[in-house]
Amino acid sequence: MSSQLKIYCVNIGEYIPVTGGETLSEVYDRLKDRIPFAPICARVNNKTESLSFPVFMPKQVEFLPVESSSGHRCYVRSLCMVLYRAVENVYPGTRLLICHSVSRGYYCRLVGVKPDSAIAENLKNEMRRIVDRNLPFERKERLTTDVIDIFRRQGLNNKVRLLESLHSLYWVYWRLDGLCDSYYGELAPSTGLLNVFDLVPYEEGLLLLGPDVADPSRPATPLFQPKLYKAFTDYLRFNHIVGIQNAADVNSVVKAGGTGMMINVAEALHAKYIDEIASRITERYHAGGAKVVLIAGPSSSGKTTFTKRLAVQLLTNLLRPVMISLDNYFIDREHTPLDESGDYDYESLFALDLELFNDHLNRLIAGEEVELPYYNFERGEREYRGERIKLGEGTVLLIEGIHGLNPELTRDVDHNMKYSIYVSALTTLAIDDHNWVPTTDNRLLRRIIRDYKYRGTSALDTIRRWPSVRRGEEKWIFPYQENADSMFNSSLLFELGVMRDEAERVLREVPNDVPEYAEVHRLRKFLGYFAQISDRLIPPTSLLREFLGGSSFRY
């Protein structure tokens, strides 16, 4: 073996000689006694690549396990192609739609068929047979016109329309046991690595479950999330009615000059749902309850603008909204809980003075006057500055914060006096039949743009901090989302097209010599599926203005 060509393996901290054209799978076979896991993909020069990637030049290579974020995505994408192959084997000609993530899995539909336990079992058994055969996922690249012909013959019409709208000369696709498909990321080297999965009936379709994030040796356990499922399906029905369900549909609307109507309809839907929520609050208020409205949701879900628009709508219902900031109820810094890194954990519920907060709420509901605290972040101490409030007739408290749905936050307040709302960007737009738009990616792009424009934070720092933000959401927000009286989906059909160039400009500043570049590369590729849309027609009250700027609200 020539020593002229070497790669640097991050896992073992050494340069490894390779033969030109040797794949990463073959390299790993020589190193597997020194790497304590079986990789599913790798990071090559800080881009995620398949283990079938051939090495012809010096590279930096880091093999990635299933537990990594890139590894988990690779595993799930590969499972999706196994499911597609199983559907074609068992129910040929049936159209498979992989819609969105929910209940710790991926919601799938068979067009024209409502799957039952027998169908789910048949498909799962076929998937198991495909896994046991250890079939290769073959990575191919051909002229896009040739790939379009392949997809047209397989009946993948949305992929055909998407490729026709993108005008790329060449396209990468995958072949499994003679069946072809495309994904916006890499797949596993073979099906034999995918032995942890489940497929179960779920509502009107199926739930595909990959490995549990906490324990990859077993499939994830589904959660019962009927309210979240309804929030998704309400929007899916809306998408179907307006004829905009995937990237090809968006691109067609933009090309036909229908962007203004698409924006107006999407904004009107937001206005309709906000009006409906305000009406429910008003009705409950006049029945003697709902004095306190709690608004929660994950990062960059648009909670702040939603709260301001809700306040406007409540005013039109002849109620007077008053805001209270949870931040002012932080305990003194010296008593704040610490996170696993030893830093102050301001996202912990127990960073708040729950007793004082509940006391103030009950006194306000009873018609008493209270003096609100002020938290001095410089000193890390609570102060009082003489700000007093009292709820008069028709006054409603609006409280925005990540813990709003946690019953422990308002444990001493009568349940009837509370109305809780969960806000999140539940993205229902797909790339094509087998590639969905992850909700977390939508929120991350919003946050990257907002933090860069208004908080002086680089995209690199935002991406670097994102895993910690996600861990906080998993602990303090998502377990309580089904407690909501109402759910509001803050996603907008047009927003990925609007954010595309703005995000591209910021993401280009991330250097390619950092591990986070892999995420940048993935996000830029994902955004490239959507035609650029100008923000000129977006109204100043839009939730998207919270991130892009130009809002008529003050933040």
Protein backbone atom coordinates (compact mmCIF):
# COMPACT_ATOMS: atom_id res chain seq x y z
CA MET A 1 0.00 0.00 0.00
CA SER A 2 1.43 3.37 -0.99
CA SER A 3 2.22 5.75 1.86
CA GLN A 4 1.86 8.75 -0.46
CA LEU A 5 -1.88 9.14 0.20
CA LYS A 6 -2.97 9.54 3.81
CA ILE A 7 -6.10 10.60 5.63
CA TYR A 8 -6.27 11.95 9.17
CA CYS A 9 -8.69 9.89 11.29
CA VAL A 10 -10.13 12.05 14.06
CA ASN A 11 -11.36 9.00 16.00
CA ILE A 12 -7.86 7.70 16.68
CA GLY A 13 -5.89 10.92 16.19
CA GLU A 14 -3.58 9.49 13.53
CA TYR A 15 -2.75 9.69 9.84
CA ILE A 16 -3.74 6.50 8.02
CA PRO A 17 -2.30 5.41 4.65
CA VAL A 18 -4.97 4.60 2.06
CA THR A 19 -5.09 3.36 -1.50
CA GLY A 20 -6.61 5.75 -4.00
CA GLY A 21 -10.28 4.82 -4.49
CA GLU A 22 -10.55 2.95 -1.19
CA THR A 23 -13.96 3.54 0.39
CA LEU A 24 -14.50 4.70 3.94
CA SER A 25 -16.09 1.31 4.71
CA GLU A 26 -12.86 -0.38 3.66
CA VAL A 27 -10.81 2.07 5.74
CA TYR A 28 -12.98 1.37 8.76
CA ASP A 29 -12.55 -2.40 8.32
CA ARG A 30 -8.84 -1.89 8.90
CA LEU A 31 -9.45 0.30 11.96
CA LYS A 32 -12.45 -1.36 13.61
CA ASP A 33 -10.39 -2.84 16.44
CA ARG A 34 -9.43 0.71 17.41
CA ILE A 35 -12.84 2.40 17.05
CA PRO A 36 -15.35 1.34 19.75
CA PHE A 37 -18.50 1.50 17.59
CA ALA A 38 -19.80 0.54 14.15
CA PRO A 39 -20.19 3.78 12.17
CA ILE A 40 -23.15 4.50 9.91
CA CYS A 41 -21.64 7.50 8.11
CA ALA A 42 -18.64 9.79 8.39
CA ARG A 43 -17.67 13.43 8.44
CA VAL A 44 -15.17 14.14 5.64
CA ASN A 45 -13.58 17.59 5.75
CA ASN A 46 -16.56 18.54 7.94
CA LYS A 47 -19.20 17.34 5.47
CA THR A 48 -21.34 14.29 6.19
CA GLU A 49 -20.65 11.54 3.66
CA SER A 50 -21.69 7.94 3.07
CA LEU A 51 -19.30 5.16 4.02
CA SER A 52 -19.25 4.32 0.30
CA PHE A 53 -17.32 7.59 -0.22
CA PRO A 54 -14.10 6.82 -2.15
CA VAL A 55 -10.87 8.51 -1.05
CA PHE A 56 -8.67 9.95 -3.79
CA MET A 57 -7.20 12.94 -1.94
CA PRO A 58 -5.89 13.65 1.59
CA LYS A 59 -8.87 14.14 3.88
CA GLN A 60 -9.84 14.57 7.50
CA VAL A 61 -12.25 11.77 8.40
CA GLU A 62 -14.36 11.22 11.50
CA PHE A 63 -16.48 8.07 11.64
CA LEU A 64 -19.89 8.75 13.22
CA PRO A 65 -22.09 6.44 15.33
CA VAL A 66 -25.87 6.19 15.16
CA GLU A 67 -26.08 8.20 18.41
CA SER A 68 -24.68 11.32 16.72
CA SER A 69 -27.15 13.77 15.18
CA SER A 70 -25.79 13.13 11.67
CA GLY A 71 -25.76 9.38 12.29
CA HIS A 72 -29.36 9.34 13.50
CA ARG A 73 -30.54 11.28 10.44
CA CYS A 74 -28.63 8.90 8.16
CA TYR A 75 -30.23 5.90 9.90
CA VAL A 76 -33.76 7.30 9.60
CA ARG A 77 -33.32 8.25 5.92
CA SER A 78 -32.09 4.72 5.21
CA LEU A 79 -35.09 3.26 7.04
CA CYS A 80 -37.36 5.40 4.86
CA MET A 81 -35.93 3.84 1.72
CA VAL A 82 -36.32 0.37 3.21
CA LEU A 83 -39.98 1.19 3.89
CA TYR A 84 -40.40 2.45 0.31
CA ARG A 85 -38.90 -0.79 -1.02
CA ALA A 86 -41.19 -2.82 1.31
CA VAL A 87 -44.31 -0.95 0.13
CA GLU A 88 -43.39 -1.60 -3.50
CA ASN A 89 -42.78 -5.28 -2.76
CA VAL A 90 -45.94 -5.95 -0.75
CA TYR A 91 -48.41 -3.38 -2.14
CA PRO A 92 -46.99 -2.45 -5.58
CA GLY A 93 -48.18 0.85 -7.02
CA THR A 94 -49.27 2.23 -3.63
CA ARG A 95 -48.02 5.79 -3.07
CA LEU A 96 -46.05 6.26 0.15
CA LEU A 97 -45.98 9.70 1.81
CA ILE A 98 -43.57 10.35 4.68
CA CYS A 99 -45.14 13.48 6.12
CA HIS A 100 -43.51 14.76 9.32
CA SER A 101 -42.07 13.78 12.68
CA VAL A 102 -44.46 13.28 15.58
CA SER A 103 -44.69 11.09 18.68
CA ARG A 104 -40.96 10.22 18.51
CA GLY A 105 -41.39 8.76 15.04
CA TYR A 106 -42.21 9.66 11.45
CA TYR A 107 -45.81 9.78 10.32
CA CYS A 108 -46.43 7.99 7.02
CA ARG A 109 -49.50 7.60 4.83
CA LEU A 110 -50.43 5.17 2.09
CA VAL A 111 -52.54 7.14 -0.37
CA GLY A 112 -56.02 5.65 -0.63
CA VAL A 113 -55.39 3.13 2.15
CA LYS A 114 -55.95 3.41 5.90
CA PRO A 115 -53.37 0.99 7.30
CA ASP A 116 -54.45 -1.43 10.02
CA SER A 117 -52.37 -3.69 12.25
CA ALA A 118 -52.24 -6.40 9.54
CA ILE A 119 -50.85 -3.99 6.92
CA ALA A 120 -48.34 -2.60 9.42
CA GLU A 121 -47.22 -6.12 10.33
CA ASN A 122 -46.88 -7.16 6.67
CA LEU A 123 -44.74 -4.14 5.89
CA LYS A 124 -42.63 -4.54 9.03
CA ASN A 125 -41.96 -8.19 8.18
CA GLU A 126 -40.91 -7.21 4.66
CA MET A 127 -38.64 -4.50 6.04
CA ARG A 128 -37.09 -7.09 8.36
CA ARG A 129 -36.50 -9.39 5.38
CA ILE A 130 -34.78 -6.58 3.47
CA VAL A 131 -32.60 -5.77 6.50
CA ASP A 132 -31.66 -9.43 6.95
CA ARG A 133 -30.53 -9.65 3.31
CA ASN A 134 -28.00 -6.86 3.99
CA LEU A 135 -28.63 -5.23 0.62
CA PRO A 136 -26.38 -2.33 -0.42
CA PHE A 137 -27.61 1.24 -0.79
CA GLU A 138 -25.96 2.13 -4.09
CA ARG A 139 -25.09 5.80 -4.53
CA LYS A 140 -25.45 6.92 -8.15
CA GLU A 141 -24.97 10.21 -10.01
CA ARG A 142 -26.26 10.83 -13.51
CA LEU A 143 -27.56 13.59 -15.73
CA THR A 144 -30.66 15.03 -14.10
CA THR A 145 -32.65 14.33 -17.25
CA ASP A 146 -31.83 10.62 -16.89
CA VAL A 147 -32.79 10.65 -13.19
CA ILE A 148 -36.09 12.35 -14.09
CA ASP A 149 -36.83 9.52 -16.51
CA ILE A 150 -36.10 6.93 -13.79
CA PHE A 151 -38.39 8.66 -11.29
CA ARG A 152 -41.13 9.13 -13.88
CA ARG A 153 -41.13 5.39 -14.62
CA GLN A 154 -41.46 4.70 -10.88
CA GLY A 155 -44.39 7.11 -10.53
CA LEU A 156 -42.46 9.57 -8.31
CA ASN A 157 -44.13 12.55 -9.93
CA ASN A 158 -43.36 15.06 -7.16
CA LYS A 159 -39.66 14.25 -7.44
CA VAL A 160 -39.92 14.74 -11.21
CA ARG A 161 -41.56 18.15 -10.76
CA LEU A 162 -38.99 19.15 -8.14
CA LEU A 163 -35.99 18.23 -10.31
CA GLU A 164 -37.53 20.00 -13.28
CA SER A 165 -37.83 23.17 -11.17
CA LEU A 166 -34.21 23.09 -9.93
CA HIS A 167 -32.40 22.95 -13.30
CA SER A 168 -29.37 21.02 -11.99
CA LEU A 169 -27.19 19.32 -14.59
CA TYR A 170 -26.40 16.23 -12.50
CA TRP A 171 -28.28 14.62 -9.62
CA VAL A 172 -27.39 12.10 -6.93
CA TYR A 173 -29.82 9.26 -6.32
CA TRP A 174 -29.83 5.91 -4.50
CA ARG A 175 -30.70 2.40 -5.63
CA LEU A 176 -31.88 -0.39 -3.34
CA ASP A 177 -32.64 -3.80 -4.83
CA GLY A 178 -33.44 -2.18 -8.18
CA LEU A 179 -35.61 0.63 -6.78
CA CYS A 180 -34.39 4.24 -7.01
CA ASP A 181 -35.01 7.24 -4.75
CA SER A 182 -33.35 10.51 -3.70
CA TYR A 183 -32.72 12.05 -0.28
CA TYR A 184 -31.16 15.30 0.83
CA GLY A 185 -28.52 13.45 2.83
CA GLU A 186 -26.41 10.33 2.84
CA LEU A 187 -27.61 6.77 3.47
CA ALA A 188 -26.09 3.81 5.28
CA PRO A 189 -23.79 1.48 3.31
CA SER A 190 -26.26 -1.43 3.53
CA THR A 191 -29.56 -2.48 5.06
CA GLY A 192 -27.91 -4.87 7.52
CA LEU A 193 -27.03 -1.96 9.80
CA LEU A 194 -30.72 -1.07 10.28
CA ASN A 195 -31.84 -3.80 12.67
CA VAL A 196 -33.48 -1.46 15.21
CA PHE A 197 -36.85 -0.11 14.07
CA ASP A 198 -40.59 -0.51 14.41
CA LEU A 199 -43.65 0.23 12.30
CA VAL A 200 -47.04 0.64 13.97
CA PRO A 201 -50.51 1.90 12.99
CA TYR A 202 -50.97 5.54 13.98
CA GLU A 203 -54.15 7.57 13.47
CA GLU A 204 -54.86 7.51 9.70
CA GLY A 205 -51.46 6.09 8.78
CA LEU A 206 -48.30 4.49 10.11
CA LEU A 207 -45.57 5.56 12.50
CA LEU A 208 -42.02 4.62 11.50
CA LEU A 209 -39.81 4.43 14.59
CA GLY A 210 -36.04 4.54 14.50
CA PRO A 211 -33.63 3.90 17.39
CA ASP A 212 -34.35 5.52 20.74
CA VAL A 213 -31.99 8.49 21.14
CA ALA A 214 -31.30 7.53 24.77
CA ASP A 215 -30.80 3.82 23.99
CA PRO A 216 -30.07 3.06 20.30
CA SER A 217 -30.34 -0.68 20.97
CA ARG A 218 -34.15 -0.45 21.01
CA PRO A 219 -36.78 1.39 18.94
CA ALA A 220 -38.21 4.64 20.21
CA THR A 221 -41.47 4.30 22.16
CA PRO A 222 -44.35 6.31 20.62
CA LEU A 223 -45.97 9.08 22.65
CA PHE A 224 -49.70 9.73 22.62
CA GLN A 225 -49.92 13.26 21.17
CA PRO A 226 -53.44 13.77 19.78
CA LYS A 227 -53.35 17.58 20.05
CA LEU A 228 -50.01 17.85 18.25
CA TYR A 229 -51.19 15.40 15.60
CA LYS A 230 -54.35 17.49 15.06
CA ALA A 231 -52.27 20.67 14.73
CA PHE A 232 -50.24 18.98 12.01
CA THR A 233 -53.20 17.48 10.15
CA ASP A 234 -55.20 20.73 10.23
CA TYR A 235 -52.36 22.34 8.29
CA LEU A 236 -51.94 19.34 5.99
CA ARG A 237 -55.60 19.71 5.00
CA PHE A 238 -55.04 23.42 4.39
CA ASN A 239 -51.99 22.64 2.25
CA HIS A 240 -54.08 20.20 0.22
CA ILE A 241 -56.89 22.72 -0.33
CA VAL A 242 -54.54 25.49 -1.53
CA GLY A 243 -52.49 23.01 -3.59
CA ILE A 244 -49.14 23.75 -1.94
CA GLN A 245 -47.81 20.61 -0.28
CA ASN A 246 -44.15 20.39 -1.25
CA ALA A 247 -41.15 22.28 -2.63
CA ALA A 248 -42.20 21.69 -6.25
CA ASP A 249 -45.58 23.30 -5.53
CA VAL A 250 -43.91 26.35 -3.95
CA ASN A 251 -41.51 26.68 -6.87
CA SER A 252 -44.39 26.41 -9.36
CA VAL A 253 -46.33 29.16 -7.58
CA VAL A 254 -43.28 31.44 -7.58
CA LYS A 255 -42.60 30.79 -11.26
CA ALA A 256 -46.26 31.52 -12.12
CA GLY A 257 -46.19 34.84 -10.24
CA GLY A 258 -48.55 33.69 -7.49
CA THR A 259 -46.30 34.55 -4.54
CA GLY A 260 -48.52 37.40 -3.31
CA MET A 261 -51.62 35.21 -3.09
CA MET A 262 -49.65 32.43 -1.34
CA ILE A 263 -48.42 34.92 1.28
CA ASN A 264 -51.87 36.46 1.76
CA VAL A 265 -53.58 33.10 2.22
CA ALA A 266 -50.97 31.82 4.69
CA GLU A 267 -51.15 35.04 6.72
CA ALA A 268 -54.96 34.91 6.68
CA LEU A 269 -54.83 31.40 8.14
CA HIS A 270 -52.68 32.67 11.02
CA ALA A 271 -55.13 35.50 11.62
CA LYS A 272 -58.03 33.04 11.63
CA TYR A 273 -56.43 30.76 14.23
CA ILE A 274 -55.41 33.67 16.46
CA ASP A 275 -58.97 34.99 16.30
CA GLU A 276 -60.34 31.53 17.23
CA ILE A 277 -58.00 31.25 20.24
CA ALA A 278 -58.89 34.78 21.38
CA SER A 279 -62.58 33.90 21.13
CA ARG A 280 -62.12 30.80 23.30
CA ILE A 281 -60.25 32.83 25.92
CA THR A 282 -62.97 35.51 25.86
CA GLU A 283 -65.73 32.94 26.22
CA ARG A 284 -64.03 31.27 29.18
CA TYR A 285 -63.26 34.67 30.75
CA HIS A 286 -66.92 35.68 30.69
CA ALA A 287 -67.79 32.30 32.21
CA GLY A 288 -65.65 33.22 35.21
CA GLY A 289 -62.25 31.78 34.23
CA ALA A 290 -59.18 32.35 32.00
CA LYS A 291 -57.81 35.32 33.94
CA VAL A 292 -54.27 34.08 33.21
CA VAL A 293 -53.13 33.10 29.69
CA LEU A 294 -49.91 31.07 29.59
CA ILE A 295 -48.02 30.93 26.28
CA ALA A 296 -45.20 28.43 25.83
CA GLY A 297 -43.19 26.92 23.01
CA PRO A 298 -39.68 26.06 21.90
CA SER A 299 -37.01 28.47 20.70
CA SER A 300 -37.82 30.58 17.62
CA SER A 301 -41.40 29.39 17.43
CA GLY A 302 -42.69 32.97 17.23
CA LYS A 303 -44.12 33.11 20.77
CA THR A 304 -43.41 36.82 21.20
CA THR A 305 -45.18 37.98 18.03
CA PHE A 306 -48.00 35.51 18.62
CA THR A 307 -48.51 37.00 22.09
CA LYS A 308 -48.59 40.54 20.70
CA ARG A 309 -51.07 39.57 17.97
CA LEU A 310 -53.20 37.73 20.51
CA ALA A 311 -53.21 40.86 22.68
CA VAL A 312 -54.51 42.90 19.73
CA GLN A 313 -57.25 40.37 19.05
CA LEU A 314 -58.28 40.28 22.72
CA LEU A 315 -58.61 44.06 22.63
CA THR A 316 -61.06 43.73 19.74
CA ASN A 317 -62.99 41.32 22.01
CA LEU A 318 -63.16 44.13 24.62
CA LEU A 319 -60.63 42.52 26.99
CA ARG A 320 -57.55 44.36 28.28
CA PRO A 321 -54.36 42.27 28.08
CA VAL A 322 -51.55 42.93 30.58
CA MET A 323 -48.11 41.33 30.19
CA ILE A 324 -45.97 39.86 32.98
CA SER A 325 -42.42 38.71 32.29
CA LEU A 326 -41.39 35.44 33.89
CA ASP A 327 -37.77 36.61 33.76
CA ASN A 328 -38.46 39.00 36.61
CA TYR A 329 -39.26 36.07 38.89
CA PHE A 330 -35.76 34.56 38.74
CA ILE A 331 -34.31 33.73 42.13
CA ASP A 332 -31.02 35.41 43.07
CA ARG A 333 -28.13 34.08 41.02
CA GLU A 334 -26.32 32.52 43.97
CA HIS A 335 -29.30 30.16 44.46
CA THR A 336 -29.81 29.35 40.74
CA PRO A 337 -29.50 25.62 39.85
CA LEU A 338 -26.47 24.53 37.84
CA ASP A 339 -26.57 22.50 34.63
CA GLU A 340 -24.40 19.48 33.77
CA SER A 341 -21.57 21.85 32.72
CA GLY A 342 -21.62 23.70 36.03
CA ASP A 343 -23.14 26.85 34.49
CA TYR A 344 -26.20 28.63 35.84
CA ASP A 345 -29.27 26.92 34.38
CA TYR A 346 -31.69 29.76 33.72
CA GLU A 347 -33.87 27.38 31.67
CA SER A 348 -34.64 25.28 34.74
CA LEU A 349 -38.10 25.69 36.22
CA PHE A 350 -36.42 25.95 39.59
CA ALA A 351 -34.52 29.07 38.56
CA LEU A 352 -37.87 30.81 39.21
CA ASP A 353 -39.37 31.82 42.53
CA LEU A 354 -42.46 29.64 42.19
CA GLU A 355 -43.94 30.56 45.56
CA LEU A 356 -43.79 34.31 44.90
CA PHE A 357 -45.09 33.88 41.34
CA ASN A 358 -48.09 31.80 42.45
CA ASP A 359 -48.80 34.18 45.33
CA HIS A 360 -48.84 37.15 42.96
CA LEU A 361 -51.10 35.40 40.45
CA ASN A 362 -53.66 34.45 43.09
CA ARG A 363 -53.66 37.92 44.60
CA LEU A 364 -54.12 39.50 41.17
CA ILE A 365 -56.97 37.12 40.33
CA ALA A 366 -58.57 38.08 43.68
CA GLY A 367 -58.46 41.75 42.65
CA GLU A 368 -55.54 42.78 44.88
CA GLU A 369 -52.69 45.05 43.89
CA VAL A 370 -49.15 43.61 43.80
CA GLU A 371 -45.71 45.14 43.34
CA LEU A 372 -43.91 43.33 40.55
CA PRO A 373 -40.26 42.34 41.02
CA TYR A 374 -37.50 43.30 38.59
CA TYR A 375 -34.56 40.99 38.00
CA ASN A 376 -31.24 42.81 37.63
CA PHE A 377 -29.23 40.52 35.32
CA GLU A 378 -26.01 42.49 35.91
CA ARG A 379 -26.13 41.97 39.66
CA GLY A 380 -28.02 38.69 39.55
CA GLU A 381 -30.47 39.90 42.17
CA ARG A 382 -34.14 40.74 42.46
CA GLU A 383 -35.09 44.40 42.91
CA TYR A 384 -38.32 46.34 43.41
CA ARG A 385 -38.80 49.54 41.44
CA GLY A 386 -42.30 50.50 42.44
CA GLU A 387 -44.14 48.92 39.50
CA ARG A 388 -47.58 47.95 40.77
CA ILE A 389 -50.45 46.36 38.89
CA LYS A 390 -54.04 45.47 39.69
CA LEU A 391 -56.44 43.61 37.42
CA GLY A 392 -59.54 45.61 36.68
CA GLU A 393 -62.74 44.48 35.03
CA GLY A 394 -62.02 42.78 31.71
CA THR A 395 -58.25 42.47 32.31
CA VAL A 396 -56.37 39.33 31.28
CA LEU A 397 -52.79 38.46 32.20
CA LEU A 398 -50.61 37.27 29.32
CA ILE A 399 -47.51 35.37 30.43
CA GLU A 400 -45.02 34.13 27.85
CA GLY A 401 -42.30 31.67 28.81
CA ILE A 402 -40.93 28.20 28.15
CA HIS A 403 -42.51 26.76 31.32
CA GLY A 404 -46.05 27.96 30.65
CA LEU A 405 -47.48 24.45 30.17
CA ASN A 406 -45.69 22.90 33.14
CA PRO A 407 -48.36 22.48 35.86
CA GLU A 408 -45.69 23.04 38.50
CA LEU A 409 -45.24 26.65 37.35
CA THR A 410 -48.78 27.62 38.44
CA ARG A 411 -49.38 24.79 40.92
CA ASP A 412 -51.34 26.97 43.38
CA VAL A 413 -53.58 28.64 40.80
CA ASP A 414 -57.07 27.29 40.13
CA HIS A 415 -57.06 25.35 36.84
CA ASN A 416 -60.19 27.15 35.60
CA MET A 417 -58.39 30.47 35.93
CA LYS A 418 -55.70 29.43 33.42
CA TYR A 419 -55.72 29.11 29.66
CA SER A 420 -52.59 27.61 28.12
CA ILE A 421 -51.32 27.84 24.54
CA TYR A 422 -48.53 25.91 22.83
CA VAL A 423 -46.82 27.70 19.93
CA SER A 424 -44.45 25.94 17.53
CA ALA A 425 -43.45 26.00 13.87
CA LEU A 426 -44.96 22.63 12.96
CA THR A 427 -43.71 22.52 9.40
CA THR A 428 -46.09 20.60 7.15
CA LEU A 429 -44.41 21.44 3.86
CA ALA A 430 -42.50 18.53 2.33
CA ILE A 431 -39.57 18.48 -0.07
CA ASP A 432 -41.14 15.53 -1.89
CA ASP A 433 -43.05 12.33 -1.04
CA HIS A 434 -40.18 10.81 0.97
CA ASN A 435 -38.37 13.90 2.30
CA TRP A 436 -40.03 16.09 4.90
CA VAL A 437 -38.97 19.46 6.31
CA PRO A 438 -37.88 18.95 9.94
CA THR A 439 -39.57 21.37 12.32
CA THR A 440 -36.29 21.84 14.19
CA ASP A 441 -34.51 22.93 10.99
CA ASN A 442 -37.15 25.57 10.35
CA ARG A 443 -36.72 26.95 13.87
CA LEU A 444 -32.92 26.79 13.67
CA LEU A 445 -32.92 28.85 10.47
CA ARG A 446 -35.20 31.44 12.09
CA ARG A 447 -32.89 31.65 15.10
CA ILE A 448 -29.71 31.90 13.00
CA ILE A 449 -31.13 34.88 11.12
CA ARG A 450 -32.60 36.61 14.19
CA ASP A 451 -29.54 36.15 16.40
CA TYR A 452 -27.25 37.45 13.67
CA LYS A 453 -29.38 40.51 12.89
CA TYR A 454 -30.43 41.53 16.39
CA ARG A 455 -28.23 39.83 18.98
CA GLY A 456 -24.81 40.06 17.39
CA THR A 457 -24.43 36.27 17.41
CA SER A 458 -22.71 34.47 14.55
CA ALA A 459 -24.29 31.48 12.81
CA LEU A 460 -21.42 29.37 14.15
CA ASP A 461 -22.23 30.28 17.76
CA THR A 462 -25.96 29.69 17.22
CA ILE A 463 -25.35 26.26 15.66
CA ARG A 464 -22.85 25.40 18.39
CA ARG A 465 -25.37 26.24 21.11
CA TRP A 466 -28.34 24.57 19.39
CA PRO A 467 -27.83 21.06 20.91
CA SER A 468 -27.98 22.60 24.40
CA VAL A 469 -31.15 24.50 23.47
CA ARG A 470 -32.69 21.27 22.17
CA ARG A 471 -31.81 19.40 25.37
CA GLY A 472 -33.55 22.12 27.38
CA GLU A 473 -36.64 21.84 25.18
CA GLU A 474 -36.73 18.07 25.58
CA LYS A 475 -36.60 18.48 29.34
CA TRP A 476 -38.73 21.53 30.02
CA ILE A 477 -41.12 22.04 27.07
CA PHE A 478 -41.99 18.99 24.98
CA PRO A 479 -43.15 16.76 27.88
CA TYR A 480 -45.92 19.26 28.65
CA GLN A 481 -47.12 20.31 25.17
CA GLU A 482 -50.24 18.13 25.32
CA ASN A 483 -51.37 20.13 28.40
CA ALA A 484 -52.25 23.03 26.11
CA ASP A 485 -55.84 24.23 25.73
CA SER A 486 -54.92 25.43 22.23
CA MET A 487 -52.05 24.80 19.83
CA PHE A 488 -50.91 27.40 17.34
CA ASN A 489 -48.81 26.42 14.33
CA SER A 490 -46.56 29.38 13.51
CA SER A 491 -45.11 27.92 10.31
CA LEU A 492 -45.82 29.67 7.02
CA LEU A 493 -45.92 28.09 3.56
CA PHE A 494 -43.61 30.67 2.04
CA GLU A 495 -41.04 31.18 4.79
CA LEU A 496 -38.29 28.83 3.58
CA GLY A 497 -38.20 30.65 0.26
CA VAL A 498 -38.08 34.00 2.05
CA MET A 499 -35.36 32.90 4.47
CA ARG A 500 -33.23 31.22 1.79
CA ASP A 501 -30.97 34.09 0.70
CA GLU A 502 -30.93 35.71 4.15
CA ALA A 503 -29.79 32.45 5.76
CA GLU A 504 -27.30 31.76 2.94
CA ARG A 505 -25.54 35.07 3.57
CA VAL A 506 -25.14 34.33 7.26
CA LEU A 507 -24.22 30.66 6.84
CA ARG A 508 -21.48 31.49 4.32
CA GLU A 509 -19.55 33.17 7.16
CA VAL A 510 -19.06 29.83 8.95
CA PRO A 511 -15.55 28.52 8.13
CA ASN A 512 -15.21 24.97 6.80
CA ASP A 513 -12.53 23.99 9.32
CA VAL A 514 -15.00 23.56 12.21
CA PRO A 515 -17.25 20.50 12.89
CA GLU A 516 -20.35 22.73 12.74
CA TYR A 517 -19.71 23.22 9.02
CA ALA A 518 -21.40 19.84 8.46
CA GLU A 519 -24.65 21.37 9.72
CA VAL A 520 -24.11 24.47 7.57
CA HIS A 521 -23.57 22.32 4.47
CA ARG A 522 -26.75 20.34 5.21
CA LEU A 523 -28.89 23.46 5.79
CA ARG A 524 -27.65 25.16 2.63
CA LYS A 525 -28.40 22.06 0.57
CA PHE A 526 -31.87 21.83 2.10
CA LEU A 527 -32.62 25.52 1.37
CA GLY A 528 -31.55 25.04 -2.24
CA TYR A 529 -34.72 23.06 -2.96
CA PHE A 530 -36.88 26.19 -2.56
CA ALA A 531 -37.18 29.11 -4.97
CA GLN A 532 -36.20 32.47 -3.54
CA ILE A 533 -39.14 34.65 -2.42
CA SER A 534 -38.89 38.38 -1.72
CA ASP A 535 -40.06 39.57 1.70
CA ARG A 536 -41.53 42.72 0.12
CA LEU A 537 -45.11 41.40 0.26
CA ILE A 538 -44.97 40.09 3.85
CA PRO A 539 -47.11 42.27 6.14
CA PRO A 540 -45.46 44.04 9.12
CA THR A 541 -47.59 42.01 11.56
CA SER A 542 -46.34 38.65 10.24
CA LEU A 543 -44.71 36.30 12.73
CA LEU A 544 -41.82 35.99 10.31
CA ARG A 545 -41.02 39.68 10.84
CA GLU A 546 -39.85 38.77 14.36
CA PHE A 547 -36.85 37.11 12.69
CA LEU A 548 -36.40 39.05 9.46
CA GLY A 549 -37.09 42.56 10.76
CA GLY A 550 -39.59 45.14 9.57
CA SER A 551 -42.23 44.33 12.18
CA SER A 552 -44.78 46.87 13.33
CA PHE A 553 -44.44 45.43 16.85
CA ARG A 554 -41.75 46.49 19.31
CA TYR A 555 -39.55 43.77 20.83
